[in-house]
Amino acid sequence: FGNLSVIFSRILPFNIKTKDLPAIDYVILSHNHPDHMDTDTLHAIKLHNPQVKVLVPMGDKAWFDDRGFVDCSEHIWWDEIEKDGVKFTFLPAKHWSQRGLFDKNKSLWGSWMVEHDGFKLYFAGDSGWGRHFSLIGKIFKSIDVALMPIGPGEPREWMKHSHINAEEAGRAFLQLKARWFVPMHWGTFRLGMDKFKEPVTRIKNWWKKNEKQCDNKALKVAKVGELVACVRENIVALSRLKSKRRSKVL
């Protein structure tokens, strides 16, 4: 919720205080990079949610144990965790991990599927292009919402091994066969050479060019702190647009 460092400063302020967030039952982490696993943010969450459950990639549990988190478990790809009527599945991604000078790739990275009462939400984490998107789409039928990273995308030669750009995120979304595309991982920190609105402008342009393939789907660009009500009734209503050959950008 703050700055990563003087170099990687926050572009948009986060004006919601941690204490004012709704009660947090679970924190799921894709990998241990500071923009995903920030020390101050996690301590603030624990302060106001002392019993919070944390699900992390293999190799990161000790960090949380040392800092007094009472319920942390670590996982490898394809692990399934069922708690409180919610099913979490840790899934592949193409990325890397590191927090210090000598721990590069000493812990795992990945993505997550969250399922509750038939509703499926996919959190892609950070990832370069790979066949895992197609595989996940084949295994998990009818994904309702996909949270997809669309930046940083530039410089492409440097970023392509660990970050999909907006157009690749669109292709991955189609392979996942999901219904709602919610862009993430853009416009928050200066992590690449992309201009501020470039990733979201590119995904909107990609969506228009691929309108037929995106039939019966929706692109939702959320504002910072916006509450998005994406319930099954909305998705069913959206499916009725299919006969009109329309896709929706919100």
Protein backbone atom coordinates (compact mmCIF):
# COMPACT_ATOMS: atom_id res chain seq x y z
CA PHE A 1 0.00 0.00 0.00
CA GLY A 2 3.07 2.28 0.04
CA ASN A 3 6.22 2.87 -1.98
CA LEU A 4 8.58 0.04 -2.88
CA SER A 5 11.64 2.30 -2.73
CA VAL A 6 12.88 5.70 -3.80
CA ILE A 7 13.63 4.25 -7.24
CA PHE A 8 10.39 2.27 -7.63
CA SER A 9 8.02 4.93 -6.36
CA ARG A 10 4.25 4.65 -6.37
CA ILE A 11 2.52 6.43 -9.25
CA LEU A 12 -1.00 6.45 -7.80
CA PRO A 13 -1.52 6.96 -4.07
CA PHE A 14 -3.41 4.35 -2.06
CA ASN A 15 -5.75 6.49 -0.02
CA ILE A 16 -7.62 3.74 1.83
CA LYS A 17 -6.29 3.09 5.33
CA THR A 18 -5.60 -0.55 6.15
CA LYS A 19 -7.79 -0.38 9.25
CA ASP A 20 -10.75 0.66 7.08
CA LEU A 21 -10.55 -2.38 4.80
CA PRO A 22 -13.14 -5.14 5.31
CA ALA A 23 -12.06 -8.05 7.50
CA ILE A 24 -9.47 -10.13 5.62
CA ASP A 25 -9.73 -13.90 6.00
CA TYR A 26 -7.08 -14.99 3.49
CA VAL A 27 -4.01 -13.57 1.79
CA ILE A 28 -2.75 -15.47 -1.26
CA LEU A 29 0.66 -14.67 -2.70
CA SER A 30 1.94 -15.49 -6.17
CA HIS A 31 5.65 -14.90 -5.37
CA ASN A 32 7.94 -13.01 -3.02
CA HIS A 33 8.89 -9.90 -5.02
CA PRO A 34 8.41 -6.77 -2.87
CA ASP A 35 5.58 -5.37 -5.02
CA HIS A 36 3.60 -8.53 -4.16
CA MET A 37 4.97 -9.39 -0.72
CA ASP A 38 5.52 -6.03 0.97
CA THR A 39 6.66 -6.16 4.60
CA ASP A 40 4.86 -3.04 5.88
CA THR A 41 1.62 -3.96 4.12
CA LEU A 42 1.58 -7.50 5.48
CA HIS A 43 2.30 -6.32 9.03
CA ALA A 44 -0.54 -3.80 8.75
CA ILE A 45 -2.91 -6.54 7.57
CA LYS A 46 -1.86 -8.79 10.46
CA LEU A 47 -2.31 -5.96 12.96
CA HIS A 48 -5.98 -5.55 12.05
CA ASN A 49 -6.57 -9.23 11.17
CA PRO A 50 -4.45 -11.22 13.65
CA GLN A 51 -5.95 -14.59 12.61
CA VAL A 52 -5.52 -14.03 8.87
CA LYS A 53 -4.63 -17.18 6.91
CA VAL A 54 -1.77 -16.83 4.43
CA LEU A 55 -1.16 -19.16 1.48
CA VAL A 56 2.30 -18.80 -0.07
CA PRO A 57 4.57 -20.56 -2.59
CA MET A 58 6.98 -23.20 -1.33
CA GLY A 59 9.98 -21.58 0.32
CA ASP A 60 8.25 -18.49 1.74
CA LYS A 61 6.58 -19.86 4.89
CA ALA A 62 9.60 -19.27 7.16
CA TRP A 63 9.40 -15.51 6.47
CA PHE A 64 5.87 -15.43 7.87
CA ASP A 65 6.62 -17.75 10.79
CA ASP A 66 9.49 -15.49 11.87
CA ARG A 67 7.14 -12.50 11.90
CA GLY A 68 4.40 -14.00 14.01
CA PHE A 69 1.79 -14.96 11.44
CA VAL A 70 -0.20 -17.70 13.16
CA ASP A 71 -1.61 -19.51 10.11
CA CYS A 72 0.66 -19.76 7.06
CA SER A 73 1.03 -22.70 4.68
CA GLU A 74 3.32 -23.10 1.66
CA HIS A 75 2.52 -24.94 -1.55
CA ILE A 76 3.79 -26.36 -4.82
CA TRP A 77 1.97 -26.27 -8.15
CA TRP A 78 -1.32 -28.20 -8.26
CA ASP A 79 -1.72 -28.24 -4.48
CA GLU A 80 -5.39 -27.96 -3.47
CA ILE A 81 -6.40 -26.35 -0.17
CA GLU A 82 -10.02 -26.42 1.02
CA LYS A 83 -11.00 -24.23 3.97
CA ASP A 84 -14.25 -22.60 5.05
CA GLY A 85 -16.05 -23.71 1.91
CA VAL A 86 -13.41 -22.15 -0.36
CA LYS A 87 -11.04 -24.14 -2.56
CA PHE A 88 -7.64 -22.70 -3.47
CA THR A 89 -5.44 -24.33 -6.12
CA PHE A 90 -1.84 -23.17 -6.60
CA LEU A 91 -1.06 -23.22 -10.33
CA PRO A 92 1.91 -22.68 -12.66
CA ALA A 93 3.26 -19.39 -13.98
CA LYS A 94 6.42 -18.38 -15.83
CA HIS A 95 8.31 -16.01 -13.56
CA TRP A 96 11.04 -15.98 -10.87
CA SER A 97 11.56 -15.08 -7.22
CA GLN A 98 14.04 -13.07 -5.12
CA ARG A 99 14.06 -10.80 -2.06
CA GLY A 100 17.75 -10.56 -1.14
CA LEU A 101 21.15 -10.84 -2.79
CA PHE A 102 21.54 -14.60 -2.50
CA ASP A 103 18.06 -16.12 -2.68
CA LYS A 104 17.20 -15.92 -6.38
CA ASN A 105 14.70 -18.67 -7.26
CA LYS A 106 15.02 -20.23 -3.79
CA SER A 107 11.23 -20.08 -3.48
CA LEU A 108 8.48 -20.93 -5.96
CA TRP A 109 6.11 -18.64 -7.88
CA GLY A 110 2.76 -19.27 -9.47
CA SER A 111 -0.89 -18.35 -9.93
CA TRP A 112 -4.07 -19.20 -8.03
CA MET A 113 -7.58 -20.46 -8.71
CA VAL A 114 -10.15 -19.59 -6.05
CA GLU A 115 -13.46 -21.47 -6.11
CA HIS A 116 -16.56 -20.95 -3.99
CA ASP A 117 -20.08 -22.24 -4.60
CA GLY A 118 -19.33 -22.89 -8.28
CA PHE A 119 -17.74 -19.47 -8.86
CA LYS A 120 -14.17 -19.53 -10.21
CA LEU A 121 -11.73 -16.63 -9.94
CA TYR A 122 -8.26 -16.94 -11.49
CA PHE A 123 -5.42 -14.75 -10.19
CA ALA A 124 -2.58 -14.95 -12.73
CA GLY A 125 0.14 -13.37 -10.58
CA ASP A 126 3.14 -12.33 -12.69
CA SER A 127 3.94 -14.45 -15.72
CA GLY A 128 5.60 -14.56 -19.09
CA TRP A 129 3.92 -16.33 -21.98
CA GLY A 130 3.60 -20.10 -21.59
CA ARG A 131 1.43 -23.12 -22.29
CA HIS A 132 0.13 -23.08 -18.71
CA PHE A 133 -2.68 -20.70 -19.70
CA SER A 134 -4.09 -23.20 -22.17
CA LEU A 135 -3.63 -26.07 -19.70
CA ILE A 136 -5.44 -24.22 -16.92
CA GLY A 137 -8.27 -23.36 -19.30
CA LYS A 138 -8.70 -27.04 -20.19
CA ILE A 139 -8.66 -28.26 -16.59
CA PHE A 140 -10.87 -25.57 -15.02
CA LYS A 141 -14.06 -25.27 -17.00
CA SER A 142 -16.09 -22.05 -17.02
CA ILE A 143 -13.73 -19.61 -15.26
CA ASP A 144 -15.84 -16.62 -14.27
CA VAL A 145 -13.21 -13.94 -13.61
CA ALA A 146 -9.55 -13.72 -14.65
CA LEU A 147 -7.30 -11.14 -12.97
CA MET A 148 -4.65 -10.66 -15.64
CA PRO A 149 -1.40 -8.64 -15.54
CA ILE A 150 -1.01 -6.29 -18.51
CA GLY A 151 2.30 -4.60 -17.60
CA PRO A 152 5.13 -3.88 -17.52
CA GLY A 153 5.48 -4.68 -21.20
CA GLU A 154 8.41 -2.56 -22.31
CA PRO A 155 11.22 -2.90 -23.16
CA ARG A 156 9.84 -6.11 -24.68
CA GLU A 157 13.14 -7.95 -25.13
CA TRP A 158 13.80 -7.59 -21.40
CA MET A 159 10.28 -8.14 -20.10
CA LYS A 160 9.06 -10.98 -22.32
CA HIS A 161 10.64 -13.76 -20.24
CA SER A 162 8.69 -12.90 -17.08
CA HIS A 163 5.85 -10.52 -18.01
CA ILE A 164 3.13 -10.80 -20.62
CA ASN A 165 2.15 -7.53 -22.27
CA ALA A 166 -1.42 -6.39 -22.83
CA GLU A 167 -1.87 -8.23 -26.12
CA GLU A 168 -0.45 -11.47 -24.73
CA ALA A 169 -2.73 -11.10 -21.70
CA GLY A 170 -5.65 -10.96 -24.11
CA ARG A 171 -4.49 -14.14 -25.87
CA ALA A 172 -4.00 -15.86 -22.50
CA PHE A 173 -7.51 -14.80 -21.45
CA LEU A 174 -8.95 -16.50 -24.53
CA GLN A 175 -6.98 -19.68 -23.79
CA LEU A 176 -8.31 -19.63 -20.24
CA LYS A 177 -11.85 -19.42 -21.68
CA ALA A 178 -12.78 -17.02 -18.88
CA ARG A 179 -15.77 -14.65 -19.00
CA TRP A 180 -14.59 -11.47 -17.27
CA PHE A 181 -11.17 -9.90 -17.84
CA VAL A 182 -9.99 -7.61 -15.03
CA PRO A 183 -6.60 -6.00 -15.82
CA MET A 184 -4.11 -5.68 -12.99
CA HIS A 185 -0.40 -4.95 -12.45
CA TRP A 186 -0.33 -1.64 -14.30
CA GLY A 187 -0.14 2.05 -13.36
CA THR A 188 0.95 1.46 -9.76
CA PHE A 189 4.76 1.35 -9.70
CA ARG A 190 7.37 2.39 -12.25
CA LEU A 191 8.61 -1.10 -13.14
CA GLY A 192 9.13 -0.74 -16.91
CA MET A 193 9.26 1.76 -19.73
CA ASP A 194 5.50 1.78 -20.33
CA LYS A 195 3.77 5.15 -20.16
CA PHE A 196 1.16 5.36 -17.40
CA LYS A 197 -1.99 4.52 -19.41
CA GLU A 198 -0.26 2.54 -22.16
CA PRO A 199 -1.07 -0.99 -20.91
CA VAL A 200 -4.78 -0.28 -20.40
CA THR A 201 -5.03 1.58 -23.71
CA ARG A 202 -3.43 -1.40 -25.45
CA ILE A 203 -5.77 -3.96 -23.87
CA LYS A 204 -8.80 -1.87 -24.86
CA ASN A 205 -7.51 -1.65 -28.42
CA TRP A 206 -6.83 -5.39 -28.47
CA TRP A 207 -10.36 -6.03 -27.19
CA LYS A 208 -11.89 -3.99 -30.03
CA LYS A 209 -9.80 -5.81 -32.65
CA ASN A 210 -10.85 -9.19 -31.22
CA GLU A 211 -14.49 -8.38 -30.59
CA LYS A 212 -15.80 -11.54 -32.24
CA GLN A 213 -13.52 -13.79 -30.15
CA CYS A 214 -14.58 -11.85 -27.05
CA ASP A 215 -18.25 -12.43 -27.71
CA ASN A 216 -20.08 -13.27 -24.47
CA LYS A 217 -17.22 -11.76 -22.43
CA ALA A 218 -16.51 -8.49 -20.62
CA LEU A 219 -13.47 -6.31 -19.97
CA LYS A 220 -13.66 -4.48 -16.63
CA VAL A 221 -11.00 -1.84 -15.97
CA ALA A 222 -11.32 -1.16 -12.23
CA LYS A 223 -10.39 2.14 -10.63
CA VAL A 224 -8.08 2.20 -7.60
CA GLY A 225 -10.13 1.10 -4.61
CA GLU A 226 -13.25 0.42 -6.68
CA LEU A 227 -15.59 -2.28 -5.43
CA VAL A 228 -16.47 -4.54 -8.36
CA ALA A 229 -19.71 -6.49 -8.02
CA CYS A 230 -19.18 -9.43 -10.36
CA VAL A 231 -21.76 -11.96 -9.21
CA ARG A 232 -23.06 -14.89 -11.19
CA GLU A 233 -26.26 -13.03 -12.06
CA ASN A 234 -24.21 -10.41 -13.91
CA ILE A 235 -22.40 -13.11 -15.84
CA VAL A 236 -25.63 -14.88 -16.80
CA ALA A 237 -27.07 -11.58 -17.97
CA LEU A 238 -23.92 -10.93 -19.98
CA SER A 239 -24.24 -14.30 -21.72
CA ARG A 240 -27.54 -13.14 -23.21
CA LEU A 241 -25.58 -10.70 -25.36
CA LYS A 242 -24.16 -13.62 -27.32
CA SER A 243 -26.97 -13.64 -29.84
CA LYS A 244 -26.23 -9.98 -30.57
CA ARG A 245 -22.54 -10.74 -31.25
CA ARG A 246 -21.38 -8.15 -28.74
CA SER A 247 -18.64 -7.99 -26.16
CA LYS A 248 -18.62 -5.50 -23.35
CA VAL A 249 -16.02 -3.01 -22.13
CA LEU A 250 -16.78 -1.51 -18.71
